[in-house]
């Protein structure tokens, strides 16, 4: 695909969520969720409604106008999850999404990822957390840049 088409696929079909959240510090939660929709040139009213809906989905309807510094780590990750869903991606790439979280928030994030998968999205998660990996329907183990094994739950216990 040409570069322009690849960028369009990334913007509209793939959602990203990271260990470090990558929220814009001077924007509120709702504004952070609106960023991908702004880049897709969606109407302002559509951005506002969709961002409110998504923040409600992740339980942050009461934190719409809070900046990242006013949110807990778990709340920041949920804003990042809502932002990732802004353009309704088919594929979710999650890079260590539970790495900085306490056990309760970690379980919430994994439950959201499971829910997104049940809604028909493909979730690809990179993790060192064996208990997070055990939530997956299919697993692949990488070693030195090569796929060593896949889907055998016993490998997860010894990896």
Foldseek 3Di string as FASTA:
>chain_A
DDPVVVVVCCLQAEFEAEQVLPFDQVAFLLVSLLVSVVVVVDDPVLSNVLSCVQCVVLPNNVRRRHGPVRDDSLSSRSSSVSSRCSNPHQEYEYEASCVPDDPVSSVSVLVVVVVSVVVRHHYHYDHPDLVSQVSDQKDFDDDPRDTDDMDDNVVSVVD
